[in-house]
Amino acid sequence: MSKNTKIVIVLLVICILLAAIPVLVLRDAQFGGSDDAGSQMIEEIDEDYVPWFTPVLENLIGGELPGEVESLFFCIQTGIGVGIIAFFMGRFVERKKWMKKTGAE
């Protein structure tokens, strides 16, 4: 077995452990959003609290967005961010190749 094959196998085992250990250790854990926890804490402290504003989309549609739509918006936002980062990283790589080719480096 070559050195690279051993490294790949070790890294795969580490990745599997990183995914499996939290699932096994935190079986009964309750995960909630920080927005919900903050809202509950504010209600405990001051029952008469009124939020300063509501989200724009909730005003437009007249209610709260379903969780699936929120997830969709988050995924779209993530995709746009990754696209921008990948574009600029590609530009930097191509610029470096171009500079090597022309001898400007």
PDB file of N, CA and C in Angstrom:
ATOM      1  N   MET A   1       0.845  -1.173   0.000  1.00  0.00           N
ATOM      2  CA  MET A   1       0.000   0.000   0.000  1.00  0.00           C
ATOM      3  C   MET A   1       0.895   1.243   0.000  1.00  0.00           C
ATOM      4  N   SER A   2       0.586   2.192  -0.883  1.00  0.00           N
ATOM      5  CA  SER A   2       1.418   3.388  -0.966  1.00  0.00           C
ATOM      6  C   SER A   2       1.094   4.359   0.169  1.00  0.00           C
ATOM      7  N   LYS A   3       1.974   5.319   0.339  1.00  0.00           N
ATOM      8  CA  LYS A   3       1.817   6.309   1.405  1.00  0.00           C
ATOM      9  C   LYS A   3       0.535   7.118   1.205  1.00  0.00           C
ATOM     10  N   ASN A   4       0.237   7.494  -0.034  1.00  0.00           N
ATOM     11  CA  ASN A   4      -0.969   8.277  -0.322  1.00  0.00           C
ATOM     12  C   ASN A   4      -2.237   7.489  -0.008  1.00  0.00           C
ATOM     13  N   THR A   5      -2.238   6.193  -0.299  1.00  0.00           N
ATOM     14  CA  THR A   5      -3.402   5.358  -0.010  1.00  0.00           C
ATOM     15  C   THR A   5      -3.652   5.286   1.488  1.00  0.00           C
ATOM     16  N   LYS A   6      -2.586   5.146   2.266  1.00  0.00           N
ATOM     17  CA  LYS A   6      -2.731   5.113   3.721  1.00  0.00           C
ATOM     18  C   LYS A   6      -3.285   6.432   4.254  1.00  0.00           C
ATOM     19  N   ILE A   7      -2.800   7.527   3.723  1.00  0.00           N
ATOM     20  CA  ILE A   7      -3.275   8.844   4.158  1.00  0.00           C
ATOM     21  C   ILE A   7      -4.756   9.005   3.847  1.00  0.00           C
ATOM     22  N   VAL A   8      -5.161   8.579   2.655  1.00  0.00           N
ATOM     23  CA  VAL A   8      -6.564   8.686   2.265  1.00  0.00           C
ATOM     24  C   VAL A   8      -7.439   7.829   3.172  1.00  0.00           C
ATOM     25  N   ILE A   9      -7.007   6.621   3.483  1.00  0.00           N
ATOM     26  CA  ILE A   9      -7.789   5.734   4.350  1.00  0.00           C
ATOM     27  C   ILE A   9      -7.912   6.331   5.749  1.00  0.00           C
ATOM     28  N   VAL A  10      -6.819   6.853   6.280  1.00  0.00           N
ATOM     29  CA  VAL A  10      -6.865   7.472   7.612  1.00  0.00           C
ATOM     30  C   VAL A  10      -7.799   8.680   7.613  1.00  0.00           C
ATOM     31  N   LEU A  11      -7.729   9.505   6.589  1.00  0.00           N
ATOM     32  CA  LEU A  11      -8.605  10.678   6.519  1.00  0.00           C
ATOM     33  C   LEU A  11     -10.075  10.280   6.388  1.00  0.00           C
ATOM     34  N   LEU A  12     -10.357   9.225   5.628  1.00  0.00           N
ATOM     35  CA  LEU A  12     -11.737   8.745   5.517  1.00  0.00           C
ATOM     36  C   LEU A  12     -12.259   8.234   6.851  1.00  0.00           C
ATOM     37  N   VAL A  13     -11.423   7.498   7.582  1.00  0.00           N
ATOM     38  CA  VAL A  13     -11.829   7.007   8.903  1.00  0.00           C
ATOM     39  C   VAL A  13     -12.090   8.185   9.842  1.00  0.00           C
ATOM     40  N   ILE A  14     -11.231   9.190   9.808  1.00  0.00           N
ATOM     41  CA  ILE A  14     -11.437  10.377  10.643  1.00  0.00           C
ATOM     42  C   ILE A  14     -12.746  11.066  10.284  1.00  0.00           C
ATOM     43  N   CYS A  15     -13.045  11.198   9.001  1.00  0.00           N
ATOM     44  CA  CYS A  15     -14.299  11.838   8.572  1.00  0.00           C
ATOM     45  C   CYS A  15     -15.511  11.048   9.057  1.00  0.00           C
ATOM     46  N   ILE A  16     -15.446   9.742   8.944  1.00  0.00           N
ATOM     47  CA  ILE A  16     -16.557   8.905   9.404  1.00  0.00           C
ATOM     48  C   ILE A  16     -16.740   9.050  10.903  1.00  0.00           C
ATOM     49  N   LEU A  17     -15.639   9.060  11.655  1.00  0.00           N
ATOM     50  CA  LEU A  17     -15.725   9.246  13.105  1.00  0.00           C
ATOM     51  C   LEU A  17     -16.281  10.618  13.467  1.00  0.00           C
ATOM     52  N   LEU A  18     -15.868  11.653  12.728  1.00  0.00           N
ATOM     53  CA  LEU A  18     -16.394  13.004  12.989  1.00  0.00           C
ATOM     54  C   LEU A  18     -17.897  13.083  12.763  1.00  0.00           C
ATOM     55  N   ALA A  19     -18.402  12.293  11.843  1.00  0.00           N
ATOM     56  CA  ALA A  19     -19.839  12.291  11.587  1.00  0.00           C
ATOM     57  C   ALA A  19     -20.588  11.385  12.561  1.00  0.00           C
ATOM     58  N   ALA A  20     -19.980  10.261  12.952  1.00  0.00           N
ATOM     59  CA  ALA A  20     -20.684   9.271  13.757  1.00  0.00           C
ATOM     60  C   ALA A  20     -20.664   9.566  15.253  1.00  0.00           C
ATOM     61  N   ILE A  21     -19.565  10.071  15.765  1.00  0.00           N
ATOM     62  CA  ILE A  21     -19.446  10.280  17.215  1.00  0.00           C
ATOM     63  C   ILE A  21     -20.508  11.236  17.754  1.00  0.00           C
ATOM     64  N   PRO A  22     -20.722  12.412  17.148  1.00  0.00           N
ATOM     65  CA  PRO A  22     -21.767  13.291  17.690  1.00  0.00           C
ATOM     66  C   PRO A  22     -23.158  12.663  17.650  1.00  0.00           C
ATOM     67  N   VAL A  23     -23.438  11.896  16.613  1.00  0.00           N
ATOM     68  CA  VAL A  23     -24.748  11.254  16.513  1.00  0.00           C
ATOM     69  C   VAL A  23     -24.929  10.238  17.635  1.00  0.00           C
ATOM     70  N   LEU A  24     -23.892   9.488  17.935  1.00  0.00           N
ATOM     71  CA  LEU A  24     -23.986   8.474  18.976  1.00  0.00           C
ATOM     72  C   LEU A  24     -23.987   9.089  20.381  1.00  0.00           C
ATOM     73  N   VAL A  25     -23.192  10.113  20.586  1.00  0.00           N
ATOM     74  CA  VAL A  25     -23.074  10.715  21.915  1.00  0.00           C
ATOM     75  C   VAL A  25     -24.294  11.574  22.245  1.00  0.00           C
ATOM     76  N   LEU A  26     -24.832  12.264  21.273  1.00  0.00           N
ATOM     77  CA  LEU A  26     -25.918  13.220  21.504  1.00  0.00           C
ATOM     78  C   LEU A  26     -27.271  12.685  21.038  1.00  0.00           C
ATOM     79  N   ARG A  27     -27.579  11.444  21.351  1.00  0.00           N
ATOM     80  CA  ARG A  27     -28.827  10.826  20.903  1.00  0.00           C
ATOM     81  C   ARG A  27     -30.062  11.565  21.397  1.00  0.00           C
ATOM     82  N   ASP A  28     -30.088  11.923  22.673  1.00  0.00           N
ATOM     83  CA  ASP A  28     -31.285  12.514  23.272  1.00  0.00           C
ATOM     84  C   ASP A  28     -31.232  14.034  23.335  1.00  0.00           C
ATOM     85  N   ALA A  29     -30.305  14.651  22.640  1.00  0.00           N
ATOM     86  CA  ALA A  29     -30.159  16.103  22.709  1.00  0.00           C
ATOM     87  C   ALA A  29     -31.297  16.795  21.953  1.00  0.00           C
ATOM     88  N   GLN A  30     -31.712  17.911  22.481  1.00  0.00           N
ATOM     89  CA  GLN A  30     -32.738  18.730  21.843  1.00  0.00           C
ATOM     90  C   GLN A  30     -32.059  19.936  21.200  1.00  0.00           C
ATOM     91  N   PHE A  31     -32.168  20.064  19.905  1.00  0.00           N
ATOM     92  CA  PHE A  31     -31.559  21.187  19.207  1.00  0.00           C
ATOM     93  C   PHE A  31     -32.655  22.144  18.764  1.00  0.00           C
ATOM     94  N   GLY A  32     -32.561  23.370  19.214  1.00  0.00           N
ATOM     95  CA  GLY A  32     -33.515  24.394  18.820  1.00  0.00           C
ATOM     96  C   GLY A  32     -32.769  25.590  18.277  1.00  0.00           C
ATOM     97  N   GLY A  33     -33.475  26.408  17.569  1.00  0.00           N
ATOM     98  CA  GLY A  33     -32.850  27.587  17.003  1.00  0.00           C
ATOM     99  C   GLY A  33     -32.581  28.647  18.061  1.00  0.00           C
ATOM    100  N   SER A  34     -31.579  29.457  17.793  1.00  0.00           N
ATOM    101  CA  SER A  34     -31.242  30.514  18.746  1.00  0.00           C
ATOM    102  C   SER A  34     -32.336  31.586  18.774  1.00  0.00           C
ATOM    103  N   ASP A  35     -33.038  31.763  17.666  1.00  0.00           N
ATOM    104  CA  ASP A  35     -34.136  32.737  17.653  1.00  0.00           C
ATOM    105  C   ASP A  35     -35.223  32.331  18.642  1.00  0.00           C
ATOM    106  N   ASP A  36     -35.557  31.050  18.647  1.00  0.00           N
ATOM    107  CA  ASP A  36     -36.582  30.567  19.569  1.00  0.00           C
ATOM    108  C   ASP A  36     -36.129  30.703  21.022  1.00  0.00           C
ATOM    109  N   ALA A  37     -34.876  30.360  21.291  1.00  0.00           N
ATOM    110  CA  ALA A  37     -34.358  30.457  22.658  1.00  0.00           C
ATOM    111  C   ALA A  37     -34.343  31.911  23.116  1.00  0.00           C
ATOM    112  N   GLY A  38     -33.952  32.815  22.240  1.00  0.00           N
ATOM    113  CA  GLY A  38     -33.934  34.242  22.592  1.00  0.00           C
ATOM    114  C   GLY A  38     -35.329  34.767  22.850  1.00  0.00           C
ATOM    115  N   SER A  39     -36.275  34.388  22.025  1.00  0.00           N
ATOM    116  CA  SER A  39     -37.662  34.827  22.204  1.00  0.00           C
ATOM    117  C   SER A  39     -38.233  34.330  23.523  1.00  0.00           C
ATOM    118  N   GLN A  40     -37.951  33.083  23.854  1.00  0.00           N
ATOM    119  CA  GLN A  40     -38.453  32.537  25.119  1.00  0.00           C
ATOM    120  C   GLN A  40     -37.834  33.249  26.314  1.00  0.00           C
ATOM    121  N   MET A  41     -36.555  33.564  26.242  1.00  0.00           N
ATOM    122  CA  MET A  41     -35.888  34.239  27.348  1.00  0.00           C
ATOM    123  C   MET A  41     -36.442  35.657  27.516  1.00  0.00           C
ATOM    124  N   ILE A  42     -36.686  36.351  26.415  1.00  0.00           N
ATOM    125  CA  ILE A  42     -37.244  37.707  26.494  1.00  0.00           C
ATOM    126  C   ILE A  42     -38.641  37.665  27.102  1.00  0.00           C
ATOM    127  N   GLU A  43     -39.437  36.674  26.725  1.00  0.00           N
ATOM    128  CA  GLU A  43     -40.784  36.549  27.290  1.00  0.00           C
ATOM    129  C   GLU A  43     -40.733  36.270  28.788  1.00  0.00           C
ATOM    130  N   GLU A  44     -39.729  35.516  29.231  1.00  0.00           N
ATOM    131  CA  GLU A  44     -39.590  35.267  30.667  1.00  0.00           C
ATOM    132  C   GLU A  44     -39.217  36.533  31.423  1.00  0.00           C
ATOM    133  N   ILE A  45     -38.363  37.351  30.817  1.00  0.00           N
ATOM    134  CA  ILE A  45     -37.891  38.566  31.489  1.00  0.00           C
ATOM    135  C   ILE A  45     -38.962  39.649  31.476  1.00  0.00           C
ATOM    136  N   ASP A  46     -39.557  39.893  30.310  1.00  0.00           N
ATOM    137  CA  ASP A  46     -40.535  40.977  30.175  1.00  0.00           C
ATOM    138  C   ASP A  46     -41.694  40.486  29.312  1.00  0.00           C
ATOM    139  N   GLU A  47     -42.824  40.231  29.945  1.00  0.00           N
ATOM    140  CA  GLU A  47     -43.981  39.698  29.214  1.00  0.00           C
ATOM    141  C   GLU A  47     -44.611  40.725  28.278  1.00  0.00           C
ATOM    142  N   ASP A  48     -44.382  42.015  28.507  1.00  0.00           N
ATOM    143  CA  ASP A  48     -44.985  43.072  27.689  1.00  0.00           C
ATOM    144  C   ASP A  48     -44.084  43.524  26.542  1.00  0.00           C
ATOM    145  N   TYR A  49     -43.019  42.801  26.284  1.00  0.00           N
ATOM    146  CA  TYR A  49     -42.073  43.197  25.235  1.00  0.00           C
ATOM    147  C   TYR A  49     -42.739  43.137  23.862  1.00  0.00           C
ATOM    148  N   VAL A  50     -42.506  44.173  23.060  1.00  0.00           N
ATOM    149  CA  VAL A  50     -43.013  44.227  21.691  1.00  0.00           C
ATOM    150  C   VAL A  50     -41.805  44.346  20.759  1.00  0.00           C
ATOM    151  N   PRO A  51     -41.658  43.449  19.782  1.00  0.00           N
ATOM    152  CA  PRO A  51     -40.517  43.535  18.851  1.00  0.00           C
ATOM    153  C   PRO A  51     -40.518  44.861  18.096  1.00  0.00           C
ATOM    154  N   TRP A  52     -39.327  45.341  17.746  1.00  0.00           N
ATOM    155  CA  TRP A  52     -39.189  46.605  17.039  1.00  0.00           C
ATOM    156  C   TRP A  52     -39.704  46.517  15.605  1.00  0.00           C
ATOM    157  N   PHE A  53     -39.489  45.400  14.960  1.00  0.00           N
ATOM    158  CA  PHE A  53     -39.922  45.241  13.568  1.00  0.00           C
ATOM    159  C   PHE A  53     -40.173  43.772  13.291  1.00  0.00           C
ATOM    160  N   THR A  54     -40.798  43.509  12.162  1.00  0.00           N
ATOM    161  CA  THR A  54     -40.998  42.135  11.704  1.00  0.00           C
ATOM    162  C   THR A  54     -40.277  41.967  10.370  1.00  0.00           C
ATOM    163  N   PRO A  55     -39.886  40.753  10.016  1.00  0.00           N
ATOM    164  CA  PRO A  55     -39.200  40.545   8.734  1.00  0.00           C
ATOM    165  C   PRO A  55     -40.051  41.023   7.556  1.00  0.00           C
ATOM    166  N   VAL A  56     -39.380  41.536   6.537  1.00  0.00           N
ATOM    167  CA  VAL A  56     -40.052  42.130   5.378  1.00  0.00           C
ATOM    168  C   VAL A  56     -40.964  41.121   4.682  1.00  0.00           C
ATOM    169  N   LEU A  57     -40.485  39.913   4.451  1.00  0.00           N
ATOM    170  CA  LEU A  57     -41.296  38.918   3.748  1.00  0.00           C
ATOM    171  C   LEU A  57     -42.530  38.528   4.549  1.00  0.00           C
ATOM    172  N   GLU A  58     -42.413  38.532   5.878  1.00  0.00           N
ATOM    173  CA  GLU A  58     -43.581  38.210   6.689  1.00  0.00           C
ATOM    174  C   GLU A  58     -44.637  39.301   6.553  1.00  0.00           C
ATOM    175  N   ASN A  59     -44.219  40.533   6.383  1.00  0.00           N
ATOM    176  CA  ASN A  59     -45.181  41.617   6.156  1.00  0.00           C
ATOM    177  C   ASN A  59     -45.852  41.474   4.789  1.00  0.00           C
ATOM    178  N   LEU A  60     -45.088  41.065   3.776  1.00  0.00           N
ATOM    179  CA  LEU A  60     -45.630  40.959   2.423  1.00  0.00           C
ATOM    180  C   LEU A  60     -46.639  39.829   2.287  1.00  0.00           C
ATOM    181  N   ILE A  61     -46.346  38.679   2.906  1.00  0.00           N
ATOM    182  CA  ILE A  61     -47.249  37.542   2.746  1.00  0.00           C
ATOM    183  C   ILE A  61     -48.271  37.441   3.864  1.00  0.00           C
ATOM    184  N   GLY A  62     -48.101  38.256   4.886  1.00  0.00           N
ATOM    185  CA  GLY A  62     -49.090  38.274   5.957  1.00  0.00           C
ATOM    186  C   GLY A  62     -48.961  37.149   6.966  1.00  0.00           C
ATOM    187  N   GLY A  63     -47.796  36.583   7.109  1.00  0.00           N
ATOM    188  CA  GLY A  63     -47.596  35.515   8.079  1.00  0.00           C
ATOM    189  C   GLY A  63     -46.167  35.038   8.068  1.00  0.00           C
ATOM    190  N   GLU A  64     -45.889  34.022   8.861  1.00  0.00           N
ATOM    191  CA  GLU A  64     -44.533  33.498   8.948  1.00  0.00           C
ATOM    192  C   GLU A  64     -44.254  32.561   7.785  1.00  0.00           C
ATOM    193  N   LEU A  65     -43.014  32.596   7.297  1.00  0.00           N
ATOM    194  CA  LEU A  65     -42.617  31.708   6.215  1.00  0.00           C
ATOM    195  C   LEU A  65     -42.519  30.267   6.709  1.00  0.00           C
ATOM    196  N   PRO A  66     -42.912  29.314   5.885  1.00  0.00           N
ATOM    197  CA  PRO A  66     -42.715  27.908   6.265  1.00  0.00           C
ATOM    198  C   PRO A  66     -41.222  27.583   6.354  1.00  0.00           C
ATOM    199  N   GLY A  67     -40.884  26.592   7.156  1.00  0.00           N
ATOM    200  CA  GLY A  67     -39.495  26.210   7.348  1.00  0.00           C
ATOM    201  C   GLY A  67     -38.806  25.798   6.063  1.00  0.00           C
ATOM    202  N   GLU A  68     -39.541  25.157   5.164  1.00  0.00           N
ATOM    203  CA  GLU A  68     -38.950  24.719   3.902  1.00  0.00           C
ATOM    204  C   GLU A  68     -38.536  25.908   3.055  1.00  0.00           C
ATOM    205  N   VAL A  69     -39.334  26.970   3.066  1.00  0.00           N
ATOM    206  CA  VAL A  69     -39.012  28.158   2.278  1.00  0.00           C
ATOM    207  C   VAL A  69     -37.799  28.871   2.878  1.00  0.00           C
ATOM    208  N   GLU A  70     -37.745  28.931   4.207  1.00  0.00           N
ATOM    209  CA  GLU A  70     -36.578  29.527   4.855  1.00  0.00           C
ATOM    210  C   GLU A  70     -35.317  28.749   4.498  1.00  0.00           C
ATOM    211  N   SER A  71     -35.409  27.423   4.505  1.00  0.00           N
ATOM    212  CA  SER A  71     -34.262  26.588   4.129  1.00  0.00           C
ATOM    213  C   SER A  71     -33.875  26.825   2.675  1.00  0.00           C
ATOM    214  N   LEU A  72     -34.865  26.971   1.810  1.00  0.00           N
ATOM    215  CA  LEU A  72     -34.596  27.244   0.402  1.00  0.00           C
ATOM    216  C   LEU A  72     -33.846  28.556   0.246  1.00  0.00           C
ATOM    217  N   PHE A  73     -34.305  29.612   0.915  1.00  0.00           N
ATOM    218  CA  PHE A  73     -33.626  30.907   0.835  1.00  0.00           C
ATOM    219  C   PHE A  73     -32.199  30.812   1.362  1.00  0.00           C
ATOM    220  N   PHE A  74     -32.008  30.058   2.439  1.00  0.00           N
ATOM    221  CA  PHE A  74     -30.668  29.890   2.989  1.00  0.00           C
ATOM    222  C   PHE A  74     -29.767  29.171   1.995  1.00  0.00           C
ATOM    223  N   CYS A  75     -30.284  28.133   1.343  1.00  0.00           N
ATOM    224  CA  CYS A  75     -29.488  27.393   0.362  1.00  0.00           C
ATOM    225  C   CYS A  75     -29.150  28.255  -0.847  1.00  0.00           C
ATOM    226  N   ILE A  76     -30.100  29.057  -1.288  1.00  0.00           N
ATOM    227  CA  ILE A  76     -29.834  29.957  -2.416  1.00  0.00           C
ATOM    228  C   ILE A  76     -28.754  30.961  -2.035  1.00  0.00           C
ATOM    229  N   GLN A  77     -28.865  31.529  -0.842  1.00  0.00           N
ATOM    230  CA  GLN A  77     -27.870  32.486  -0.363  1.00  0.00           C
ATOM    231  C   GLN A  77     -26.488  31.827  -0.289  1.00  0.00           C
ATOM    232  N   THR A  78     -26.433  30.608   0.203  1.00  0.00           N
ATOM    233  CA  THR A  78     -25.167  29.883   0.290  1.00  0.00           C
ATOM    234  C   THR A  78     -24.599  29.631  -1.102  1.00  0.00           C
ATOM    235  N   GLY A  79     -25.452  29.225  -2.033  1.00  0.00           N
ATOM    236  CA  GLY A  79     -24.998  28.973  -3.396  1.00  0.00           C
ATOM    237  C   GLY A  79     -24.437  30.221  -4.058  1.00  0.00           C
ATOM    238  N   ILE A  80     -25.078  31.353  -3.845  1.00  0.00           N
ATOM    239  CA  ILE A  80     -24.581  32.604  -4.415  1.00  0.00           C
ATOM    240  C   ILE A  80     -23.216  32.944  -3.820  1.00  0.00           C
ATOM    241  N   GLY A  81     -23.080  32.785  -2.501  1.00  0.00           N
ATOM    242  CA  GLY A  81     -21.800  33.071  -1.856  1.00  0.00           C
ATOM    243  C   GLY A  81     -20.691  32.170  -2.355  1.00  0.00           C
ATOM    244  N   VAL A  82     -20.974  30.882  -2.481  1.00  0.00           N
ATOM    245  CA  VAL A  82     -19.973  29.938  -2.978  1.00  0.00           C
ATOM    246  C   VAL A  82     -19.625  30.262  -4.426  1.00  0.00           C
ATOM    247  N   GLY A  83     -20.608  30.648  -5.223  1.00  0.00           N
ATOM    248  CA  GLY A  83     -20.338  31.018  -6.611  1.00  0.00           C
ATOM    249  C   GLY A  83     -19.403  32.213  -6.715  1.00  0.00           C
ATOM    250  N   ILE A  84     -19.617  33.209  -5.864  1.00  0.00           N
ATOM    251  CA  ILE A  84     -18.753  34.394  -5.872  1.00  0.00           C
ATOM    252  C   ILE A  84     -17.335  34.020  -5.459  1.00  0.00           C
ATOM    253  N   ILE A  85     -17.220  33.238  -4.393  1.00  0.00           N
ATOM    254  CA  ILE A  85     -15.890  32.831  -3.931  1.00  0.00           C
ATOM    255  C   ILE A  85     -15.182  32.000  -5.002  1.00  0.00           C
ATOM    256  N   ALA A  86     -15.889  31.047  -5.617  1.00  0.00           N
ATOM    257  CA  ALA A  86     -15.288  30.207  -6.652  1.00  0.00           C
ATOM    258  C   ALA A  86     -14.865  31.042  -7.862  1.00  0.00           C
ATOM    259  N   PHE A  87     -15.663  32.050  -8.214  1.00  0.00           N
ATOM    260  CA  PHE A  87     -15.314  32.913  -9.343  1.00  0.00           C
ATOM    261  C   PHE A  87     -13.990  33.614  -9.093  1.00  0.00           C
ATOM    262  N   PHE A  88     -13.850  34.231  -7.917  1.00  0.00           N
ATOM    263  CA  PHE A  88     -12.627  34.962  -7.634  1.00  0.00           C
ATOM    264  C   PHE A  88     -11.427  34.034  -7.456  1.00  0.00           C
ATOM    265  N   MET A  89     -11.633  32.866  -6.861  1.00  0.00           N
ATOM    266  CA  MET A  89     -10.530  31.911  -6.744  1.00  0.00           C
ATOM    267  C   MET A  89     -10.083  31.456  -8.133  1.00  0.00           C
ATOM    268  N   GLY A  90     -11.013  31.223  -9.038  1.00  0.00           N
ATOM    269  CA  GLY A  90     -10.665  30.862 -10.407  1.00  0.00           C
ATOM    270  C   GLY A  90      -9.906  31.968 -11.107  1.00  0.00           C
ATOM    271  N   ARG A  91     -10.316  33.204 -10.863  1.00  0.00           N
ATOM    272  CA  ARG A  91      -9.603  34.339 -11.461  1.00  0.00           C
ATOM    273  C   ARG A  91      -8.170  34.400 -10.965  1.00  0.00           C
ATOM    274  N   PHE A  92      -7.964  34.187  -9.668  1.00  0.00           N
ATOM    275  CA  PHE A  92      -6.616  34.230  -9.113  1.00  0.00           C
ATOM    276  C   PHE A  92      -5.748  33.121  -9.693  1.00  0.00           C
ATOM    277  N   VAL A  93      -6.306  31.923  -9.824  1.00  0.00           N
ATOM    278  CA  VAL A  93      -5.543  30.801 -10.380  1.00  0.00           C
ATOM    279  C   VAL A  93      -5.181  31.082 -11.838  1.00  0.00           C
ATOM    280  N   GLU A  94      -6.142  31.554 -12.608  1.00  0.00           N
ATOM    281  CA  GLU A  94      -5.874  31.844 -14.021  1.00  0.00           C
ATOM    282  C   GLU A  94      -4.877  32.993 -14.169  1.00  0.00           C
ATOM    283  N   ARG A  95      -4.959  33.984 -13.305  1.00  0.00           N
ATOM    284  CA  ARG A  95      -4.010  35.094 -13.370  1.00  0.00           C
ATOM    285  C   ARG A  95      -2.597  34.588 -13.110  1.00  0.00           C
ATOM    286  N   LYS A  96      -2.453  33.684 -12.141  1.00  0.00           N
ATOM    287  CA  LYS A  96      -1.140  33.134 -11.824  1.00  0.00           C
ATOM    288  C   LYS A  96      -0.600  32.329 -13.007  1.00  0.00           C
ATOM    289  N   LYS A  97      -1.466  31.527 -13.659  1.00  0.00           N
ATOM    290  CA  LYS A  97      -1.038  30.765 -14.832  1.00  0.00           C
ATOM    291  C   LYS A  97      -0.630  31.702 -15.966  1.00  0.00           C
ATOM    292  N   TRP A  98      -1.398  32.751 -16.175  1.00  0.00           N
ATOM    293  CA  TRP A  98      -1.115  33.709 -17.245  1.00  0.00           C
ATOM    294  C   TRP A  98       0.201  34.427 -16.984  1.00  0.00           C
ATOM    295  N   MET A  99       0.449  34.787 -15.717  1.00  0.00           N
ATOM    296  CA  MET A  99       1.683  35.486 -15.396  1.00  0.00           C
ATOM    297  C   MET A  99       2.893  34.560 -15.574  1.00  0.00           C
ATOM    298  N   LYS A 100       2.757  33.273 -15.242  1.00  0.00           N
ATOM    299  CA  LYS A 100       3.847  32.334 -15.466  1.00  0.00           C
ATOM    300  C   LYS A 100       4.122  32.167 -16.953  1.00  0.00           C
ATOM    301  N   LYS A 101       3.045  32.123 -17.725  1.00  0.00           N
ATOM    302  CA  LYS A 101       3.188  31.912 -19.169  1.00  0.00           C
ATOM    303  C   LYS A 101       3.893  33.100 -19.825  1.00  0.00           C
ATOM    304  N   THR A 102       3.559  34.308 -19.383  1.00  0.00           N
ATOM    305  CA  THR A 102       4.163  35.503 -19.999  1.00  0.00           C
ATOM    306  C   THR A 102       5.487  35.874 -19.365  1.00  0.00           C
ATOM    307  N   GLY A 103       5.853  35.242 -18.277  1.00  0.00           N
ATOM    308  CA  GLY A 103       7.113  35.528 -17.612  1.00  0.00           C
ATOM    309  C   GLY A 103       7.109  36.798 -16.800  1.00  0.00           C
ATOM    310  N   ALA A 104       5.926  37.279 -16.449  1.00  0.00           N
ATOM    311  CA  ALA A 104       5.802  38.533 -15.693  1.00  0.00           C
ATOM    312  C   ALA A 104       6.009  38.318 -14.198  1.00  0.00           C
ATOM    313  N   GLU A 105       6.043  37.111 -13.757  1.00  0.00           N
ATOM    314  CA  GLU A 105       6.194  36.843 -12.319  1.00  0.00           C
ATOM    315  C   GLU A 105       7.588  36.898 -11.924  1.00  0.00           C
TER     316      GLU A 105
END
